[in-house]
Amino acid sequence: GKTAQIIHVDEDHYQKFADNYIHLNGKRLIDLEFPFRHSDGHIFWCAVSGTPLDLSDRNKGVIWTFLDIDERRHLAEEVDRQR
């Protein structure tokens, strides 16, 4: 009985993610990196890909794929700090 909004960091992040539906118009794929909230409360980063089920009508749904890239992001930030 919960919506997908529960995985978003806050309302602002939820709205920013929703804006990506607009970018799917006429596209086969959209790729982005976005922070999400884990069920235990910690924030982690995912590489997200979205593919519309019907290119002519994004309202028919989108298949979203999430890949946890949190460790990679933290390592990249550490490298940047050491420069």
PDB file of N, CA and C in Angstrom:
ATOM      1  N   GLY A   1       0.786  -1.192   0.000  1.00  0.00           N
ATOM      2  CA  GLY A   1       0.000   0.000   0.000  1.00  0.00           C
ATOM      3  C   GLY A   1       0.839   1.272   0.000  1.00  0.00           C
ATOM      4  N   LYS A   2       2.137   1.170  -0.293  1.00  0.00           N
ATOM      5  CA  LYS A   2       2.983   2.355  -0.322  1.00  0.00           C
ATOM      6  C   LYS A   2       3.332   2.695  -1.761  1.00  0.00           C
ATOM      7  N   THR A   3       3.574   3.974  -2.003  1.00  0.00           N
ATOM      8  CA  THR A   3       3.955   4.409  -3.345  1.00  0.00           C
ATOM      9  C   THR A   3       5.467   4.392  -3.483  1.00  0.00           C
ATOM     10  N   ALA A   4       5.939   4.571  -4.696  1.00  0.00           N
ATOM     11  CA  ALA A   4       7.381   4.620  -4.963  1.00  0.00           C
ATOM     12  C   ALA A   4       8.019   5.848  -4.329  1.00  0.00           C
ATOM     13  N   GLN A   5       7.218   6.791  -3.898  1.00  0.00           N
ATOM     14  CA  GLN A   5       7.764   8.001  -3.291  1.00  0.00           C
ATOM     15  C   GLN A   5       8.588   7.659  -2.037  1.00  0.00           C
ATOM     16  N   ILE A   6       8.306   6.537  -1.407  1.00  0.00           N
ATOM     17  CA  ILE A   6       8.995   6.152  -0.179  1.00  0.00           C
ATOM     18  C   ILE A   6      10.501   5.978  -0.367  1.00  0.00           C
ATOM     19  N   ILE A   7      10.956   5.683  -1.589  1.00  0.00           N
ATOM     20  CA  ILE A   7      12.392   5.485  -1.818  1.00  0.00           C
ATOM     21  C   ILE A   7      13.128   6.780  -2.114  1.00  0.00           C
ATOM     22  N   HIS A   8      12.396   7.869  -2.258  1.00  0.00           N
ATOM     23  CA  HIS A   8      13.022   9.146  -2.579  1.00  0.00           C
ATOM     24  C   HIS A   8      13.502   9.845  -1.314  1.00  0.00           C
ATOM     25  N   VAL A   9      14.590  10.586  -1.455  1.00  0.00           N
ATOM     26  CA  VAL A   9      15.227  11.258  -0.323  1.00  0.00           C
ATOM     27  C   VAL A   9      14.254  12.219   0.361  1.00  0.00           C
ATOM     28  N   ASP A  10      13.540  12.993  -0.444  1.00  0.00           N
ATOM     29  CA  ASP A  10      12.556  13.940   0.084  1.00  0.00           C
ATOM     30  C   ASP A  10      11.623  14.342  -1.068  1.00  0.00           C
ATOM     31  N   GLU A  11      10.705  15.225  -0.783  1.00  0.00           N
ATOM     32  CA  GLU A  11       9.724  15.651  -1.786  1.00  0.00           C
ATOM     33  C   GLU A  11      10.392  16.307  -2.996  1.00  0.00           C
ATOM     34  N   ASP A  12      11.420  17.106  -2.747  1.00  0.00           N
ATOM     35  CA  ASP A  12      12.136  17.781  -3.828  1.00  0.00           C
ATOM     36  C   ASP A  12      12.768  16.764  -4.783  1.00  0.00           C
ATOM     37  N   HIS A  13      13.436  15.748  -4.240  1.00  0.00           N
ATOM     38  CA  HIS A  13      14.045  14.712  -5.072  1.00  0.00           C
ATOM     39  C   HIS A  13      12.976  13.920  -5.829  1.00  0.00           C
ATOM     40  N   TYR A  14      11.855  13.678  -5.190  1.00  0.00           N
ATOM     41  CA  TYR A  14      10.740  12.978  -5.834  1.00  0.00           C
ATOM     42  C   TYR A  14      10.274  13.752  -7.065  1.00  0.00           C
ATOM     43  N   GLN A  15      10.103  15.068  -6.920  1.00  0.00           N
ATOM     44  CA  GLN A  15       9.662  15.902  -8.035  1.00  0.00           C
ATOM     45  C   GLN A  15      10.716  15.968  -9.140  1.00  0.00           C
ATOM     46  N   LYS A  16      11.998  16.060  -8.755  1.00  0.00           N
ATOM     47  CA  LYS A  16      13.068  16.091  -9.755  1.00  0.00           C
ATOM     48  C   LYS A  16      13.111  14.792 -10.551  1.00  0.00           C
ATOM     49  N   PHE A  17      12.906  13.667  -9.873  1.00  0.00           N
ATOM     50  CA  PHE A  17      12.891  12.390 -10.586  1.00  0.00           C
ATOM     51  C   PHE A  17      11.694  12.329 -11.531  1.00  0.00           C
ATOM     52  N   ALA A  18      10.547  12.806 -11.082  1.00  0.00           N
ATOM     53  CA  ALA A  18       9.341  12.804 -11.913  1.00  0.00           C
ATOM     54  C   ALA A  18       9.540  13.626 -13.182  1.00  0.00           C
ATOM     55  N   ASP A  19      10.369  14.659 -13.112  1.00  0.00           N
ATOM     56  CA  ASP A  19      10.645  15.489 -14.291  1.00  0.00           C
ATOM     57  C   ASP A  19      11.264  14.669 -15.428  1.00  0.00           C
ATOM     58  N   ASN A  20      11.875  13.548 -15.104  1.00  0.00           N
ATOM     59  CA  ASN A  20      12.509  12.721 -16.130  1.00  0.00           C
ATOM     60  C   ASN A  20      11.507  12.075 -17.077  1.00  0.00           C
ATOM     61  N   TYR A  21      10.262  11.965 -16.663  1.00  0.00           N
ATOM     62  CA  TYR A  21       9.242  11.421 -17.561  1.00  0.00           C
ATOM     63  C   TYR A  21       9.101  12.298 -18.801  1.00  0.00           C
ATOM     64  N   ILE A  22       9.259  13.602 -18.632  1.00  0.00           N
ATOM     65  CA  ILE A  22       9.170  14.530 -19.758  1.00  0.00           C
ATOM     66  C   ILE A  22      10.280  14.247 -20.770  1.00  0.00           C
ATOM     67  N   HIS A  23      11.472  13.917 -20.268  1.00  0.00           N
ATOM     68  CA  HIS A  23      12.617  13.657 -21.142  1.00  0.00           C
ATOM     69  C   HIS A  23      12.473  12.349 -21.927  1.00  0.00           C
ATOM     70  N   LEU A  24      11.520  11.523 -21.548  1.00  0.00           N
ATOM     71  CA  LEU A  24      11.316  10.256 -22.261  1.00  0.00           C
ATOM     72  C   LEU A  24      10.507  10.420 -23.543  1.00  0.00           C
ATOM     73  N   ASN A  25       9.909  11.557 -23.765  1.00  0.00           N
ATOM     74  CA  ASN A  25       9.104  11.754 -24.968  1.00  0.00           C
ATOM     75  C   ASN A  25       9.900  11.418 -26.221  1.00  0.00           C
ATOM     76  N   GLY A  26       9.475  10.399 -26.932  1.00  0.00           N
ATOM     77  CA  GLY A  26      10.099  10.013 -28.192  1.00  0.00           C
ATOM     78  C   GLY A  26      11.442   9.330 -28.058  1.00  0.00           C
ATOM     79  N   LYS A  27      11.916   9.100 -26.848  1.00  0.00           N
ATOM     80  CA  LYS A  27      13.212   8.451 -26.656  1.00  0.00           C
ATOM     81  C   LYS A  27      13.019   6.995 -26.254  1.00  0.00           C
ATOM     82  N   ARG A  28      13.989   6.188 -26.618  1.00  0.00           N
ATOM     83  CA  ARG A  28      13.951   4.776 -26.255  1.00  0.00           C
ATOM     84  C   ARG A  28      14.542   4.515 -24.879  1.00  0.00           C
ATOM     85  N   LEU A  29      15.387   5.450 -24.408  1.00  0.00           N
ATOM     86  CA  LEU A  29      16.105   5.209 -23.165  1.00  0.00           C
ATOM     87  C   LEU A  29      16.557   6.526 -22.554  1.00  0.00           C
ATOM     88  N   ILE A  30      16.527   6.590 -21.253  1.00  0.00           N
ATOM     89  CA  ILE A  30      17.101   7.711 -20.526  1.00  0.00           C
ATOM     90  C   ILE A  30      17.979   7.124 -19.424  1.00  0.00           C
ATOM     91  N   ASP A  31      19.162   7.687 -19.250  1.00  0.00           N
ATOM     92  CA  ASP A  31      20.097   7.246 -18.218  1.00  0.00           C
ATOM     93  C   ASP A  31      20.407   8.409 -17.301  1.00  0.00           C
ATOM     94  N   LEU A  32      20.448   8.154 -16.002  1.00  0.00           N
ATOM     95  CA  LEU A  32      20.784   9.182 -15.035  1.00  0.00           C
ATOM     96  C   LEU A  32      21.323   8.554 -13.760  1.00  0.00           C
ATOM     97  N   GLU A  33      21.889   9.373 -12.904  1.00  0.00           N
ATOM     98  CA  GLU A  33      22.307   8.937 -11.576  1.00  0.00           C
ATOM     99  C   GLU A  33      21.498   9.736 -10.577  1.00  0.00           C
ATOM    100  N   PHE A  34      21.017   9.042  -9.540  1.00  0.00           N
ATOM    101  CA  PHE A  34      20.092   9.688  -8.616  1.00  0.00           C
ATOM    102  C   PHE A  34      20.222   9.062  -7.236  1.00  0.00           C
ATOM    103  N   PRO A  35      20.089   9.873  -6.159  1.00  0.00           N
ATOM    104  CA  PRO A  35      20.128   9.316  -4.806  1.00  0.00           C
ATOM    105  C   PRO A  35      18.751   8.797  -4.391  1.00  0.00           C
ATOM    106  N   PHE A  36      18.761   7.727  -3.618  1.00  0.00           N
ATOM    107  CA  PHE A  36      17.524   7.144  -3.086  1.00  0.00           C
ATOM    108  C   PHE A  36      17.710   6.804  -1.618  1.00  0.00           C
ATOM    109  N   ARG A  37      16.600   6.570  -0.932  1.00  0.00           N
ATOM    110  CA  ARG A  37      16.625   6.213   0.477  1.00  0.00           C
ATOM    111  C   ARG A  37      16.394   4.707   0.614  1.00  0.00           C
ATOM    112  N   HIS A  38      17.310   4.043   1.298  1.00  0.00           N
ATOM    113  CA  HIS A  38      17.208   2.611   1.578  1.00  0.00           C
ATOM    114  C   HIS A  38      16.150   2.400   2.664  1.00  0.00           C
ATOM    115  N   SER A  39      15.641   1.188   2.778  1.00  0.00           N
ATOM    116  CA  SER A  39      14.618   0.905   3.791  1.00  0.00           C
ATOM    117  C   SER A  39      15.127   1.142   5.211  1.00  0.00           C
ATOM    118  N   ASP A  40      16.462   1.072   5.424  1.00  0.00           N
ATOM    119  CA  ASP A  40      17.007   1.350   6.759  1.00  0.00           C
ATOM    120  C   ASP A  40      17.276   2.834   6.976  1.00  0.00           C
ATOM    121  N   GLY A  41      16.998   3.665   5.944  1.00  0.00           N
ATOM    122  CA  GLY A  41      17.103   5.105   6.079  1.00  0.00           C
ATOM    123  C   GLY A  41      18.324   5.745   5.453  1.00  0.00           C
ATOM    124  N   HIS A  42      19.376   4.966   5.181  1.00  0.00           N
ATOM    125  CA  HIS A  42      20.571   5.600   4.607  1.00  0.00           C
ATOM    126  C   HIS A  42      20.347   5.932   3.129  1.00  0.00           C
ATOM    127  N   ILE A  43      21.077   6.955   2.680  1.00  0.00           N
ATOM    128  CA  ILE A  43      20.970   7.416   1.293  1.00  0.00           C
ATOM    129  C   ILE A  43      22.037   6.708   0.469  1.00  0.00           C
ATOM    130  N   PHE A  44      21.663   6.235  -0.714  1.00  0.00           N
ATOM    131  CA  PHE A  44      22.615   5.599  -1.613  1.00  0.00           C
ATOM    132  C   PHE A  44      22.311   6.023  -3.042  1.00  0.00           C
ATOM    133  N   TRP A  45      23.329   5.928  -3.899  1.00  0.00           N
ATOM    134  CA  TRP A  45      23.216   6.375  -5.291  1.00  0.00           C
ATOM    135  C   TRP A  45      22.958   5.186  -6.215  1.00  0.00           C
ATOM    136  N   CYS A  46      22.140   5.446  -7.233  1.00  0.00           N
ATOM    137  CA  CYS A  46      21.854   4.440  -8.256  1.00  0.00           C
ATOM    138  C   CYS A  46      22.039   5.034  -9.644  1.00  0.00           C
ATOM    139  N   ALA A  47      22.507   4.187 -10.559  1.00  0.00           N
ATOM    140  CA  ALA A  47      22.424   4.492 -11.987  1.00  0.00           C
ATOM    141  C   ALA A  47      21.042   3.994 -12.385  1.00  0.00           C
ATOM    142  N   VAL A  48      20.275   4.855 -13.017  1.00  0.00           N
ATOM    143  CA  VAL A  48      18.889   4.530 -13.356  1.00  0.00           C
ATOM    144  C   VAL A  48      18.703   4.642 -14.862  1.00  0.00           C
ATOM    145  N   SER A  49      18.082   3.623 -15.439  1.00  0.00           N
ATOM    146  CA  SER A  49      17.727   3.647 -16.860  1.00  0.00           C
ATOM    147  C   SER A  49      16.221   3.495 -16.967  1.00  0.00           C
ATOM    148  N   GLY A  50      15.631   4.300 -17.830  1.00  0.00           N
ATOM    149  CA  GLY A  50      14.191   4.217 -18.055  1.00  0.00           C
ATOM    150  C   GLY A  50      13.894   3.974 -19.523  1.00  0.00           C
ATOM    151  N   THR A  51      13.001   3.033 -19.776  1.00  0.00           N
ATOM    152  CA  THR A  51      12.582   2.701 -21.135  1.00  0.00           C
ATOM    153  C   THR A  51      11.057   2.711 -21.192  1.00  0.00           C
ATOM    154  N   PRO A  52      10.465   3.554 -22.042  1.00  0.00           N
ATOM    155  CA  PRO A  52       9.004   3.568 -22.140  1.00  0.00           C
ATOM    156  C   PRO A  52       8.480   2.285 -22.773  1.00  0.00           C
ATOM    157  N   LEU A  53       7.348   1.806 -22.285  1.00  0.00           N
ATOM    158  CA  LEU A  53       6.730   0.616 -22.866  1.00  0.00           C
ATOM    159  C   LEU A  53       6.194   0.898 -24.265  1.00  0.00           C
ATOM    160  N   ASP A  54       5.811   2.141 -24.508  1.00  0.00           N
ATOM    161  CA  ASP A  54       5.284   2.541 -25.818  1.00  0.00           C
ATOM    162  C   ASP A  54       5.863   3.914 -26.149  1.00  0.00           C
ATOM    163  N   LEU A  55       6.706   3.999 -27.183  1.00  0.00           N
ATOM    164  CA  LEU A  55       7.358   5.272 -27.531  1.00  0.00           C
ATOM    165  C   LEU A  55       6.368   6.386 -27.861  1.00  0.00           C
ATOM    166  N   SER A  56       5.205   6.018 -28.355  1.00  0.00           N
ATOM    167  CA  SER A  56       4.241   7.041 -28.748  1.00  0.00           C
ATOM    168  C   SER A  56       3.374   7.506 -27.574  1.00  0.00           C
ATOM    169  N   ASP A  57       3.439   6.797 -26.436  1.00  0.00           N
ATOM    170  CA  ASP A  57       2.603   7.175 -25.296  1.00  0.00           C
ATOM    171  C   ASP A  57       3.290   6.777 -23.994  1.00  0.00           C
ATOM    172  N   ARG A  58       4.049   7.730 -23.398  1.00  0.00           N
ATOM    173  CA  ARG A  58       4.786   7.421 -22.168  1.00  0.00           C
ATOM    174  C   ARG A  58       3.849   7.151 -20.996  1.00  0.00           C
ATOM    175  N   ASN A  59       2.569   7.514 -21.137  1.00  0.00           N
ATOM    176  CA  ASN A  59       1.600   7.256 -20.071  1.00  0.00           C
ATOM    177  C   ASN A  59       1.280   5.770 -19.917  1.00  0.00           C
ATOM    178  N   LYS A  60       1.725   4.965 -20.867  1.00  0.00           N
ATOM    179  CA  LYS A  60       1.498   3.520 -20.784  1.00  0.00           C
ATOM    180  C   LYS A  60       2.501   2.842 -19.868  1.00  0.00           C
ATOM    181  N   GLY A  61       3.438   3.608 -19.359  1.00  0.00           N
ATOM    182  CA  GLY A  61       4.368   3.076 -18.379  1.00  0.00           C
ATOM    183  C   GLY A  61       5.809   3.098 -18.826  1.00  0.00           C
ATOM    184  N   VAL A  62       6.675   2.942 -17.847  1.00  0.00           N
ATOM    185  CA  VAL A  62       8.117   2.959 -18.063  1.00  0.00           C
ATOM    186  C   VAL A  62       8.714   1.817 -17.268  1.00  0.00           C
ATOM    187  N   ILE A  63       9.660   1.139 -17.861  1.00  0.00           N
ATOM    188  CA  ILE A  63      10.428   0.131 -17.126  1.00  0.00           C
ATOM    189  C   ILE A  63      11.683   0.832 -16.611  1.00  0.00           C
ATOM    190  N   TRP A  64      11.823   0.884 -15.292  1.00  0.00           N
ATOM    191  CA  TRP A  64      12.990   1.512 -14.667  1.00  0.00           C
ATOM    192  C   TRP A  64      13.920   0.421 -14.161  1.00  0.00           C
ATOM    193  N   THR A  65      15.207   0.594 -14.413  1.00  0.00           N
ATOM    194  CA  THR A  65      16.233  -0.322 -13.920  1.00  0.00           C
ATOM    195  C   THR A  65      17.162   0.469 -13.009  1.00  0.00           C
ATOM    196  N   PHE A  66      17.408  -0.055 -11.815  1.00  0.00           N
ATOM    197  CA  PHE A  66      18.249   0.615 -10.822  1.00  0.00           C
ATOM    198  C   PHE A  66      19.480  -0.236 -10.550  1.00  0.00           C
ATOM    199  N   LEU A  67      20.648   0.393 -10.569  1.00  0.00           N
ATOM    200  CA  LEU A  67      21.901  -0.285 -10.257  1.00  0.00           C
ATOM    201  C   LEU A  67      22.595   0.510  -9.153  1.00  0.00           C
ATOM    202  N   ASP A  68      22.873  -0.146  -8.034  1.00  0.00           N
ATOM    203  CA  ASP A  68      23.518   0.510  -6.897  1.00  0.00           C
ATOM    204  C   ASP A  68      24.954   0.874  -7.273  1.00  0.00           C
ATOM    205  N   ILE A  69      25.244   2.173  -7.311  1.00  0.00           N
ATOM    206  CA  ILE A  69      26.594   2.659  -7.641  1.00  0.00           C
ATOM    207  C   ILE A  69      27.177   3.453  -6.473  1.00  0.00           C
ATOM    208  N   ASP A  70      26.641   3.241  -5.298  1.00  0.00           N
ATOM    209  CA  ASP A  70      27.040   4.020  -4.137  1.00  0.00           C
ATOM    210  C   ASP A  70      28.535   3.916  -3.853  1.00  0.00           C
ATOM    211  N   GLU A  71      29.065   2.720  -3.863  1.00  0.00           N
ATOM    212  CA  GLU A  71      30.491   2.546  -3.580  1.00  0.00           C
ATOM    213  C   GLU A  71      31.347   3.260  -4.626  1.00  0.00           C
ATOM    214  N   ARG A  72      30.972   3.120  -5.890  1.00  0.00           N
ATOM    215  CA  ARG A  72      31.716   3.792  -6.965  1.00  0.00           C
ATOM    216  C   ARG A  72      31.695   5.304  -6.778  1.00  0.00           C
ATOM    217  N   ARG A  73      30.528   5.862  -6.422  1.00  0.00           N
ATOM    218  CA  ARG A  73      30.418   7.316  -6.211  1.00  0.00           C
ATOM    219  C   ARG A  73      31.318   7.769  -5.075  1.00  0.00           C
ATOM    220  N   HIS A  74      31.316   7.020  -3.980  1.00  0.00           N
ATOM    221  CA  HIS A  74      32.138   7.390  -2.830  1.00  0.00           C
ATOM    222  C   HIS A  74      33.628   7.309  -3.162  1.00  0.00           C
ATOM    223  N   LEU A  75      34.021   6.300  -3.920  1.00  0.00           N
ATOM    224  CA  LEU A  75      35.425   6.187  -4.326  1.00  0.00           C
ATOM    225  C   LEU A  75      35.833   7.355  -5.225  1.00  0.00           C
ATOM    226  N   ALA A  76      34.971   7.733  -6.153  1.00  0.00           N
ATOM    227  CA  ALA A  76      35.254   8.859  -7.045  1.00  0.00           C
ATOM    228  C   ALA A  76      35.360  10.160  -6.251  1.00  0.00           C
ATOM    229  N   GLU A  77      34.496  10.345  -5.247  1.00  0.00           N
ATOM    230  CA  GLU A  77      34.565  11.538  -4.412  1.00  0.00           C
ATOM    231  C   GLU A  77      35.870  11.560  -3.620  1.00  0.00           C
ATOM    232  N   GLU A  78      36.308  10.413  -3.134  1.00  0.00           N
ATOM    233  CA  GLU A  78      37.564  10.323  -2.389  1.00  0.00           C
ATOM    234  C   GLU A  78      38.748  10.678  -3.283  1.00  0.00           C
ATOM    235  N   VAL A  79      38.740  10.197  -4.509  1.00  0.00           N
ATOM    236  CA  VAL A  79      39.811  10.526  -5.461  1.00  0.00           C
ATOM    237  C   VAL A  79      39.825  12.025  -5.714  1.00  0.00           C
ATOM    238  N   ASP A  80      38.672  12.627  -5.900  1.00  0.00           N
ATOM    239  CA  ASP A  80      38.581  14.073  -6.130  1.00  0.00           C
ATOM    240  C   ASP A  80      39.117  14.861  -4.935  1.00  0.00           C
ATOM    241  N   ARG A  81      38.820  14.385  -3.714  1.00  0.00           N
ATOM    242  CA  ARG A  81      39.301  15.082  -2.520  1.00  0.00           C
ATOM    243  C   ARG A  81      40.829  15.027  -2.415  1.00  0.00           C
ATOM    244  N   GLN A  82      41.434  13.970  -2.906  1.00  0.00           N
ATOM    245  CA  GLN A  82      42.872  13.790  -2.789  1.00  0.00           C
ATOM    246  C   GLN A  82      43.663  14.557  -3.851  1.00  0.00           C
ATOM    247  N   ARG A  83      42.982  15.114  -4.809  1.00  0.00           N
ATOM    248  CA  ARG A  83      43.664  15.875  -5.881  1.00  0.00           C
ATOM    249  C   ARG A  83      44.081  17.227  -5.411  1.00  0.00           C
TER     250      ARG A  83
END
